[in-house]
Amino acid sequence: MKANLHAASFFGAFTTPQKLAIITAMLPEPINVTGIGRAVDLDQPMVSQILAQFRSLGIVRREKQGRCMVYQIKNPEAMRQLLAIADNF
């Protein structure tokens, strides 16, 4: 049951176009919140909220670079595969 709950939470993280856009923006390379917001046309608080959800689920990690935090997908190849699978449905 615990595994099912985690899987449901994990897949729930991809339930809006905005969340998928953020994932797509992070796939090429690590990026900061401002860069993500510009890439997906969302304000910083919304991007930060979504990134916090992604972090809690283990989808992304963050790292301090200079004065800002950059975010990246923990397993970009697996994420590309998930997105490719979704394109088939």
Foldseek 3Di string as FASTA:
>chain_A
DVVVVLVVLVVVLPPDPLSVQLQVQQLVHWDFLVSSCVSRVHDSVVSVVSVVSCVVSQQKDWDDDPPTITIHGPDSVVVVVVVVVVVVD
